[in-house]
PDB file of N, CA and C in Angstrom:
ATOM      1  N   MET A   1       3.701  -7.175  15.658  1.00  0.00           N
ATOM      2  CA  MET A   1       3.964  -7.144  14.232  1.00  0.00           C
ATOM      3  C   MET A   1       3.943  -8.559  13.682  1.00  0.00           C
ATOM      4  N   GLY A   2       3.579  -8.660  12.430  1.00  0.00           N
ATOM      5  CA  GLY A   2       3.504  -9.958  11.779  1.00  0.00           C
ATOM      6  C   GLY A   2       4.842 -10.413  11.240  1.00  0.00           C
ATOM      7  N   ASN A   3       4.881 -11.672  10.852  1.00  0.00           N
ATOM      8  CA  ASN A   3       6.066 -12.270  10.244  1.00  0.00           C
ATOM      9  C   ASN A   3       5.699 -12.820   8.881  1.00  0.00           C
ATOM     10  N   LEU A   4       6.646 -12.779   7.958  1.00  0.00           N
ATOM     11  CA  LEU A   4       6.451 -13.333   6.623  1.00  0.00           C
ATOM     12  C   LEU A   4       7.539 -14.345   6.332  1.00  0.00           C
ATOM     13  N   THR A   5       7.189 -15.378   5.608  1.00  0.00           N
ATOM     14  CA  THR A   5       8.160 -16.333   5.095  1.00  0.00           C
ATOM     15  C   THR A   5       7.962 -16.379   3.592  1.00  0.00           C
ATOM     16  N   ILE A   6       9.026 -16.157   2.855  1.00  0.00           N
ATOM     17  CA  ILE A   6       8.923 -16.158   1.397  1.00  0.00           C
ATOM     18  C   ILE A   6       9.798 -17.285   0.864  1.00  0.00           C
ATOM     19  N   ARG A   7       9.195 -18.189   0.134  1.00  0.00           N
ATOM     20  CA  ARG A   7       9.922 -19.332  -0.416  1.00  0.00           C
ATOM     21  C   ARG A   7      10.057 -19.187  -1.927  1.00  0.00           C
ATOM     22  N   ASN A   8      10.991 -19.944  -2.473  1.00  0.00           N
ATOM     23  CA  ASN A   8      11.188 -20.057  -3.922  1.00  0.00           C
ATOM     24  C   ASN A   8      11.474 -18.717  -4.603  1.00  0.00           C
ATOM     25  N   VAL A   9      12.285 -17.905  -3.954  1.00  0.00           N
ATOM     26  CA  VAL A   9      12.712 -16.644  -4.555  1.00  0.00           C
ATOM     27  C   VAL A   9      13.857 -16.965  -5.511  1.00  0.00           C
ATOM     28  N   PRO A  10      13.760 -16.517  -6.757  1.00  0.00           N
ATOM     29  CA  PRO A  10      14.829 -16.819  -7.725  1.00  0.00           C
ATOM     30  C   PRO A  10      16.195 -16.322  -7.229  1.00  0.00           C
ATOM     31  N   ASP A  11      17.228 -17.098  -7.532  1.00  0.00           N
ATOM     32  CA  ASP A  11      18.578 -16.776  -7.067  1.00  0.00           C
ATOM     33  C   ASP A  11      19.030 -15.377  -7.474  1.00  0.00           C
ATOM     34  N   GLU A  12      18.687 -14.952  -8.690  1.00  0.00           N
ATOM     35  CA  GLU A  12      19.135 -13.624  -9.142  1.00  0.00           C
ATOM     36  C   GLU A  12      18.482 -12.510  -8.314  1.00  0.00           C
ATOM     37  N   ILE A  13      17.261 -12.742  -7.831  1.00  0.00           N
ATOM     38  CA  ILE A  13      16.599 -11.762  -6.968  1.00  0.00           C
ATOM     39  C   ILE A  13      17.291 -11.714  -5.608  1.00  0.00           C
ATOM     40  N   VAL A  14      17.629 -12.873  -5.078  1.00  0.00           N
ATOM     41  CA  VAL A  14      18.324 -12.937  -3.788  1.00  0.00           C
ATOM     42  C   VAL A  14      19.672 -12.230  -3.890  1.00  0.00           C
ATOM     43  N   ARG A  15      20.415 -12.486  -4.969  1.00  0.00           N
ATOM     44  CA  ARG A  15      21.708 -11.811  -5.157  1.00  0.00           C
ATOM     45  C   ARG A  15      21.525 -10.294  -5.220  1.00  0.00           C
ATOM     46  N   SER A  16      20.546  -9.854  -5.978  1.00  0.00           N
ATOM     47  CA  SER A  16      20.279  -8.429  -6.116  1.00  0.00           C
ATOM     48  C   SER A  16      19.886  -7.813  -4.770  1.00  0.00           C
ATOM     49  N   LEU A  17      19.102  -8.531  -4.008  1.00  0.00           N
ATOM     50  CA  LEU A  17      18.697  -8.063  -2.687  1.00  0.00           C
ATOM     51  C   LEU A  17      19.898  -7.945  -1.753  1.00  0.00           C
ATOM     52  N   LYS A  18      20.801  -8.928  -1.816  1.00  0.00           N
ATOM     53  CA  LYS A  18      22.007  -8.878  -0.986  1.00  0.00           C
ATOM     54  C   LYS A  18      22.845  -7.653  -1.329  1.00  0.00           C
ATOM     55  N   VAL A  19      22.987  -7.368  -2.608  1.00  0.00           N
ATOM     56  CA  VAL A  19      23.762  -6.208  -3.048  1.00  0.00           C
ATOM     57  C   VAL A  19      23.108  -4.912  -2.558  1.00  0.00           C
ATOM     58  N   ALA A  20      21.795  -4.798  -2.756  1.00  0.00           N
ATOM     59  CA  ALA A  20      21.081  -3.598  -2.322  1.00  0.00           C
ATOM     60  C   ALA A  20      21.195  -3.405  -0.813  1.00  0.00           C
ATOM     61  N   ALA A  21      21.069  -4.490  -0.065  1.00  0.00           N
ATOM     62  CA  ALA A  21      21.176  -4.405   1.396  1.00  0.00           C
ATOM     63  C   ALA A  21      22.574  -3.928   1.791  1.00  0.00           C
ATOM     64  N   ALA A  22      23.597  -4.493   1.162  1.00  0.00           N
ATOM     65  CA  ALA A  22      24.975  -4.086   1.473  1.00  0.00           C
ATOM     66  C   ALA A  22      25.190  -2.615   1.113  1.00  0.00           C
ATOM     67  N   GLU A  23      24.691  -2.182  -0.022  1.00  0.00           N
ATOM     68  CA  GLU A  23      24.834  -0.784  -0.434  1.00  0.00           C
ATOM     69  C   GLU A  23      24.168   0.167   0.547  1.00  0.00           C
ATOM     70  N   ASN A  24      23.084  -0.288   1.155  1.00  0.00           N
ATOM     71  CA  ASN A  24      22.348   0.546   2.105  1.00  0.00           C
ATOM     72  C   ASN A  24      22.774   0.319   3.559  1.00  0.00           C
ATOM     73  N   GLY A  25      23.776  -0.550   3.751  1.00  0.00           N
ATOM     74  CA  GLY A  25      24.306  -0.790   5.086  1.00  0.00           C
ATOM     75  C   GLY A  25      23.338  -1.457   6.033  1.00  0.00           C
ATOM     76  N   ARG A  26      22.556  -2.375   5.511  1.00  0.00           N
ATOM     77  CA  ARG A  26      21.601  -3.078   6.380  1.00  0.00           C
ATOM     78  C   ARG A  26      21.482  -4.534   5.970  1.00  0.00           C
ATOM     79  N   SER A  27      20.790  -5.298   6.794  1.00  0.00           N
ATOM     80  CA  SER A  27      20.593  -6.722   6.514  1.00  0.00           C
ATOM     81  C   SER A  27      19.578  -6.901   5.386  1.00  0.00           C
ATOM     82  N   MET A  28      19.546  -8.099   4.836  1.00  0.00           N
ATOM     83  CA  MET A  28      18.537  -8.397   3.809  1.00  0.00           C
ATOM     84  C   MET A  28      17.138  -8.250   4.390  1.00  0.00           C
ATOM     85  N   GLU A  29      16.966  -8.662   5.620  1.00  0.00           N
ATOM     86  CA  GLU A  29      15.655  -8.553   6.262  1.00  0.00           C
ATOM     87  C   GLU A  29      15.232  -7.092   6.377  1.00  0.00           C
ATOM     88  N   ALA A  30      16.155  -6.234   6.813  1.00  0.00           N
ATOM     89  CA  ALA A  30      15.845  -4.805   6.923  1.00  0.00           C
ATOM     90  C   ALA A  30      15.578  -4.211   5.538  1.00  0.00           C
ATOM     91  N   GLU A  31      16.315  -4.654   4.544  1.00  0.00           N
ATOM     92  CA  GLU A  31      16.099  -4.170   3.172  1.00  0.00           C
ATOM     93  C   GLU A  31      14.704  -4.549   2.681  1.00  0.00           C
ATOM     94  N   LEU A  32      14.300  -5.771   2.939  1.00  0.00           N
ATOM     95  CA  LEU A  32      12.959  -6.212   2.544  1.00  0.00           C
ATOM     96  C   LEU A  32      11.863  -5.467   3.298  1.00  0.00           C
ATOM     97  N   ARG A  33      12.063  -5.250   4.600  1.00  0.00           N
ATOM     98  CA  ARG A  33      11.076  -4.488   5.372  1.00  0.00           C
ATOM     99  C   ARG A  33      10.881  -3.105   4.770  1.00  0.00           C
ATOM    100  N   ASP A  34      11.998  -2.443   4.434  1.00  0.00           N
ATOM    101  CA  ASP A  34      11.915  -1.111   3.849  1.00  0.00           C
ATOM    102  C   ASP A  34      11.217  -1.160   2.493  1.00  0.00           C
ATOM    103  N   LEU A  35      11.546  -2.138   1.692  1.00  0.00           N
ATOM    104  CA  LEU A  35      10.939  -2.278   0.367  1.00  0.00           C
ATOM    105  C   LEU A  35       9.424  -2.485   0.473  1.00  0.00           C
ATOM    106  N   VAL A  36       9.017  -3.358   1.356  1.00  0.00           N
ATOM    107  CA  VAL A  36       7.586  -3.625   1.541  1.00  0.00           C
ATOM    108  C   VAL A  36       6.885  -2.383   2.078  1.00  0.00           C
ATOM    109  N   LYS A  37       7.490  -1.729   3.051  1.00  0.00           N
ATOM    110  CA  LYS A  37       6.880  -0.529   3.624  1.00  0.00           C
ATOM    111  C   LYS A  37       6.709   0.554   2.561  1.00  0.00           C
ATOM    112  N   ARG A  38       7.748   0.787   1.758  1.00  0.00           N
ATOM    113  CA  ARG A  38       7.653   1.806   0.710  1.00  0.00           C
ATOM    114  C   ARG A  38       6.635   1.415  -0.355  1.00  0.00           C
ATOM    115  N   SER A  39       6.560   0.140  -0.682  1.00  0.00           N
ATOM    116  CA  SER A  39       5.636  -0.337  -1.716  1.00  0.00           C
ATOM    117  C   SER A  39       4.177  -0.189  -1.304  1.00  0.00           C
ATOM    118  N   TYR A  40       3.901  -0.316  -0.020  1.00  0.00           N
ATOM    119  CA  TYR A  40       2.520  -0.289   0.446  1.00  0.00           C
ATOM    120  C   TYR A  40       2.172   0.963   1.237  1.00  0.00           C
ATOM    121  N   LYS A  41       3.076   1.954   1.264  1.00  0.00           N
ATOM    122  CA  LYS A  41       2.832   3.161   2.043  1.00  0.00           C
ATOM    123  C   LYS A  41       1.536   3.857   1.636  1.00  0.00           C
ATOM    124  N   SER A  42       1.277   3.970   0.349  1.00  0.00           N
ATOM    125  CA  SER A  42       0.057   4.650  -0.098  1.00  0.00           C
ATOM    126  C   SER A  42      -1.192   3.892   0.344  1.00  0.00           C
ATOM    127  N   ARG A  43      -1.112   2.584   0.431  1.00  0.00           N
ATOM    128  CA  ARG A  43      -2.269   1.810   0.885  1.00  0.00           C
ATOM    129  C   ARG A  43      -2.513   1.999   2.376  1.00  0.00           C
ATOM    130  N   LEU A  44      -1.459   2.322   3.115  1.00  0.00           N
ATOM    131  CA  LEU A  44      -1.627   2.553   4.547  1.00  0.00           C
ATOM    132  C   LEU A  44      -2.372   3.853   4.796  1.00  0.00           C
ATOM    133  N   THR A  45      -2.148   4.855   3.945  1.00  0.00           N
ATOM    134  CA  THR A  45      -2.832   6.128   4.129  1.00  0.00           C
ATOM    135  C   THR A  45      -4.178   6.155   3.432  1.00  0.00           C
ATOM    136  N   LYS A  46      -4.324   5.414   2.327  1.00  0.00           N
ATOM    137  CA  LYS A  46      -5.584   5.339   1.584  1.00  0.00           C
ATOM    138  C   LYS A  46      -5.859   3.868   1.271  1.00  0.00           C
ATOM    139  N   PRO A  47      -6.278   3.085   2.265  1.00  0.00           N
ATOM    140  CA  PRO A  47      -6.371   1.640   2.077  1.00  0.00           C
ATOM    141  C   PRO A  47      -7.306   1.181   0.967  1.00  0.00           C
ATOM    142  N   ASN A  48      -8.341   1.945   0.643  1.00  0.00           N
ATOM    143  CA  ASN A  48      -9.297   1.476  -0.354  1.00  0.00           C
ATOM    144  C   ASN A  48      -9.203   2.208  -1.680  1.00  0.00           C
ATOM    145  N   ALA A  49      -8.223   3.086  -1.827  1.00  0.00           N
ATOM    146  CA  ALA A  49      -8.138   3.894  -3.043  1.00  0.00           C
ATOM    147  C   ALA A  49      -8.027   3.017  -4.284  1.00  0.00           C
ATOM    148  N   GLY A  50      -7.211   1.987  -4.242  1.00  0.00           N
ATOM    149  CA  GLY A  50      -7.051   1.103  -5.395  1.00  0.00           C
ATOM    150  C   GLY A  50      -8.325   0.347  -5.709  1.00  0.00           C
ATOM    151  N   LEU A  51      -8.974  -0.165  -4.704  1.00  0.00           N
ATOM    152  CA  LEU A  51     -10.222  -0.900  -4.890  1.00  0.00           C
ATOM    153  C   LEU A  51     -11.312   0.021  -5.421  1.00  0.00           C
ATOM    154  N   GLN A  52     -11.413   1.211  -4.867  1.00  0.00           N
ATOM    155  CA  GLN A  52     -12.441   2.146  -5.326  1.00  0.00           C
ATOM    156  C   GLN A  52     -12.228   2.519  -6.787  1.00  0.00           C
ATOM    157  N   GLY A  53     -10.976   2.748  -7.158  1.00  0.00           N
ATOM    158  CA  GLY A  53     -10.673   3.057  -8.556  1.00  0.00           C
ATOM    159  C   GLY A  53     -11.011   1.897  -9.467  1.00  0.00           C
ATOM    160  N   TRP A  54     -10.702   0.686  -9.003  1.00  0.00           N
ATOM    161  CA  TRP A  54     -10.989  -0.510  -9.801  1.00  0.00           C
ATOM    162  C   TRP A  54     -12.499  -0.650 -10.014  1.00  0.00           C
ATOM    163  N   VAL A  55     -13.279  -0.423  -8.957  1.00  0.00           N
ATOM    164  CA  VAL A  55     -14.741  -0.539  -9.056  1.00  0.00           C
ATOM    165  C   VAL A  55     -15.277   0.513 -10.027  1.00  0.00           C
ATOM    166  N   ARG A  56     -14.801   1.767  -9.906  1.00  0.00           N
ATOM    167  CA  ARG A  56     -15.259   2.817 -10.827  1.00  0.00           C
ATOM    168  C   ARG A  56     -14.934   2.451 -12.271  1.00  0.00           C
ATOM    169  N   GLU A  57     -13.727   1.954 -12.482  1.00  0.00           N
ATOM    170  CA  GLU A  57     -13.312   1.577 -13.838  1.00  0.00           C
ATOM    171  C   GLU A  57     -14.129   0.395 -14.352  1.00  0.00           C
ATOM    172  N   LEU A  58     -14.318  -0.595 -13.509  1.00  0.00           N
ATOM    173  CA  LEU A  58     -15.055  -1.799 -13.908  1.00  0.00           C
ATOM    174  C   LEU A  58     -16.475  -1.462 -14.333  1.00  0.00           C
ATOM    175  N   TYR A  59     -17.115  -0.573 -13.606  1.00  0.00           N
ATOM    176  CA  TYR A  59     -18.515  -0.250 -13.883  1.00  0.00           C
ATOM    177  C   TYR A  59     -18.682   1.103 -14.565  1.00  0.00           C
ATOM    178  N   GLU A  60     -17.579   1.612 -15.123  1.00  0.00           N
ATOM    179  CA  GLU A  60     -17.595   2.872 -15.868  1.00  0.00           C
ATOM    180  C   GLU A  60     -18.287   3.981 -15.076  1.00  0.00           C
ATOM    181  N   GLY A  61     -17.942   4.086 -13.794  1.00  0.00           N
ATOM    182  CA  GLY A  61     -18.451   5.155 -12.946  1.00  0.00           C
ATOM    183  C   GLY A  61     -19.856   4.960 -12.424  1.00  0.00           C
ATOM    184  N   ASN A  62     -20.487   3.818 -12.721  1.00  0.00           N
ATOM    185  CA  ASN A  62     -21.865   3.593 -12.312  1.00  0.00           C
ATOM    186  C   ASN A  62     -21.988   2.212 -11.649  1.00  0.00           C
ATOM    187  N   PRO A  63     -21.393   2.049 -10.442  1.00  0.00           N
ATOM    188  CA  PRO A  63     -21.436   0.730  -9.811  1.00  0.00           C
ATOM    189  C   PRO A  63     -22.841   0.349  -9.370  1.00  0.00           C
ATOM    190  N   PRO A  64     -23.175  -0.933  -9.417  1.00  0.00           N
ATOM    191  CA  PRO A  64     -24.494  -1.385  -8.959  1.00  0.00           C
ATOM    192  C   PRO A  64     -24.612  -1.235  -7.444  1.00  0.00           C
ATOM    193  N   SER A  65     -25.827  -1.248  -6.948  1.00  0.00           N
ATOM    194  CA  SER A  65     -26.042  -1.084  -5.507  1.00  0.00           C
ATOM    195  C   SER A  65     -25.477  -2.265  -4.717  1.00  0.00           C
ATOM    196  N   ASP A  66     -25.387  -3.420  -5.345  1.00  0.00           N
ATOM    197  CA  ASP A  66     -24.839  -4.596  -4.673  1.00  0.00           C
ATOM    198  C   ASP A  66     -23.381  -4.813  -5.082  1.00  0.00           C
ATOM    199  N   VAL A  67     -22.592  -3.729  -5.081  1.00  0.00           N
ATOM    200  CA  VAL A  67     -21.228  -3.768  -5.583  1.00  0.00           C
ATOM    201  C   VAL A  67     -20.351  -4.784  -4.846  1.00  0.00           C
ATOM    202  N   VAL A  68     -20.560  -4.966  -3.554  1.00  0.00           N
ATOM    203  CA  VAL A  68     -19.741  -5.922  -2.809  1.00  0.00           C
ATOM    204  C   VAL A  68     -19.990  -7.341  -3.331  1.00  0.00           C
ATOM    205  N   GLU A  69     -21.245  -7.708  -3.472  1.00  0.00           N
ATOM    206  CA  GLU A  69     -21.560  -9.040  -3.984  1.00  0.00           C
ATOM    207  C   GLU A  69     -21.039  -9.207  -5.412  1.00  0.00           C
ATOM    208  N   GLU A  70     -21.171  -8.153  -6.204  1.00  0.00           N
ATOM    209  CA  GLU A  70     -20.687  -8.183  -7.588  1.00  0.00           C
ATOM    210  C   GLU A  70     -19.173  -8.351  -7.618  1.00  0.00           C
ATOM    211  N   PHE A  71     -18.482  -7.636  -6.760  1.00  0.00           N
ATOM    212  CA  PHE A  71     -17.028  -7.747  -6.658  1.00  0.00           C
ATOM    213  C   PHE A  71     -16.632  -9.174  -6.297  1.00  0.00           C
ATOM    214  N   LEU A  72     -17.294  -9.736  -5.294  1.00  0.00           N
ATOM    215  CA  LEU A  72     -16.973 -11.097  -4.872  1.00  0.00           C
ATOM    216  C   LEU A  72     -17.252 -12.098  -5.984  1.00  0.00           C
ATOM    217  N   ARG A  73     -18.307 -11.881  -6.741  1.00  0.00           N
ATOM    218  CA  ARG A  73     -18.621 -12.773  -7.858  1.00  0.00           C
ATOM    219  C   ARG A  73     -17.512 -12.712  -8.916  1.00  0.00           C
ATOM    220  N   HIS A  74     -17.043 -11.512  -9.232  1.00  0.00           N
ATOM    221  CA  HIS A  74     -15.958 -11.362 -10.209  1.00  0.00           C
ATOM    222  C   HIS A  74     -14.672 -12.036  -9.699  1.00  0.00           C
ATOM    223  N   ARG A  75     -14.385 -11.870  -8.417  1.00  0.00           N
ATOM    224  CA  ARG A  75     -13.181 -12.491  -7.856  1.00  0.00           C
ATOM    225  C   ARG A  75     -13.310 -14.009  -7.926  1.00  0.00           C
ATOM    226  N   GLN A  76     -14.500 -14.542  -7.640  1.00  0.00           N
ATOM    227  CA  GLN A  76     -14.691 -15.989  -7.703  1.00  0.00           C
ATOM    228  C   GLN A  76     -14.501 -16.477  -9.131  1.00  0.00           C
ATOM    229  N   ASP A  77     -14.997 -15.699 -10.100  1.00  0.00           N
ATOM    230  CA  ASP A  77     -14.807 -16.054 -11.507  1.00  0.00           C
ATOM    231  C   ASP A  77     -13.329 -16.144 -11.842  1.00  0.00           C
ATOM    232  N   ASP A  78     -12.497 -15.242 -11.279  1.00  0.00           N
ATOM    233  CA  ASP A  78     -11.065 -15.270 -11.519  1.00  0.00           C
ATOM    234  C   ASP A  78     -10.469 -16.576 -11.026  1.00  0.00           C
ATOM    235  N   PHE A  79     -10.937 -17.063  -9.878  1.00  0.00           N
ATOM    236  CA  PHE A  79     -10.412 -18.290  -9.314  1.00  0.00           C
ATOM    237  C   PHE A  79     -10.909 -19.527 -10.046  1.00  0.00           C
ATOM    238  N   ASP A  80     -12.088 -19.433 -10.629  1.00  0.00           N
ATOM    239  CA  ASP A  80     -12.669 -20.585 -11.312  1.00  0.00           C
ATOM    240  C   ASP A  80     -12.049 -20.823 -12.682  1.00  0.00           C
ATOM    241  N   ASP A  81     -11.430 -19.803 -13.255  1.00  0.00           N
ATOM    242  CA  ASP A  81     -10.819 -19.959 -14.595  1.00  0.00           C
ATOM    243  C   ASP A  81      -9.643 -20.876 -14.608  1.00  0.00           C
TER     244      ASP A  81
END
């Protein structure tokens, strides 16, 4: 399993996380693991559903044959802005 390090979390979020963890009888780490797992559960069962929907929406249901290259070009444009 992988490890994550999260820096610069606002104090109010940390306090809220501590409260939630205590209410659920677990550590902050266990609370975060559960939160991440629940947040990404749908992606684990349908890993590309979000991307496929985004592509359909972007191209109004008619994606070009070179959709991967087009996707990468759009992502690069996002970074260049």
